[in-house]
């Protein structure tokens, strides 16, 4: 189910598991501090973590039948 953008990130299974847990249990749109903590926990840069969340949000929105980009509809 991963999109092409996410596949190109070459993440370890454990990193994906941690990212998914944070996505579902913490926030789909983490603030800067939370993003920094998630990045540290996963051993990724903040930029990589931000990119993953952006791609994962687009994937989630499409699965929900919403536009891939954040628009007027709030999650």
Foldseek 3Di string as FASTA:
>chain_A
DQDPQVVVLPADPVLVVLLVCCPPPPHLDDDPVVLCVNCVVSVHDSVSSVSVSLRVQLVVCVVVVHHSDDDPDDD
